[in-house]
């Protein structure tokens, strides 16, 4: 499973359009799914409520970096 990390603060909206949150630099996201020009993802952090968020694919690519998977990281 791909995991990416934000390189800068980014404000995104949940896919149900009820929540807007700012992901800070260093926060990781998982379950990344691209559909046309939109990408959907979930936070890795346990301090956030698990929701699916969406944003523009090109902005997501500019704002994130792929994370290398580490041993013991399977549950995150």
Foldseek 3Di string as FASTA:
>chain_A
DWKKFFQAWDWWAFPVRPDIDIDGGGWMWDPWDDDVQKIWTFTPDPVDDTTITMDGNVVDVVGIDIDDDDPVNVVD
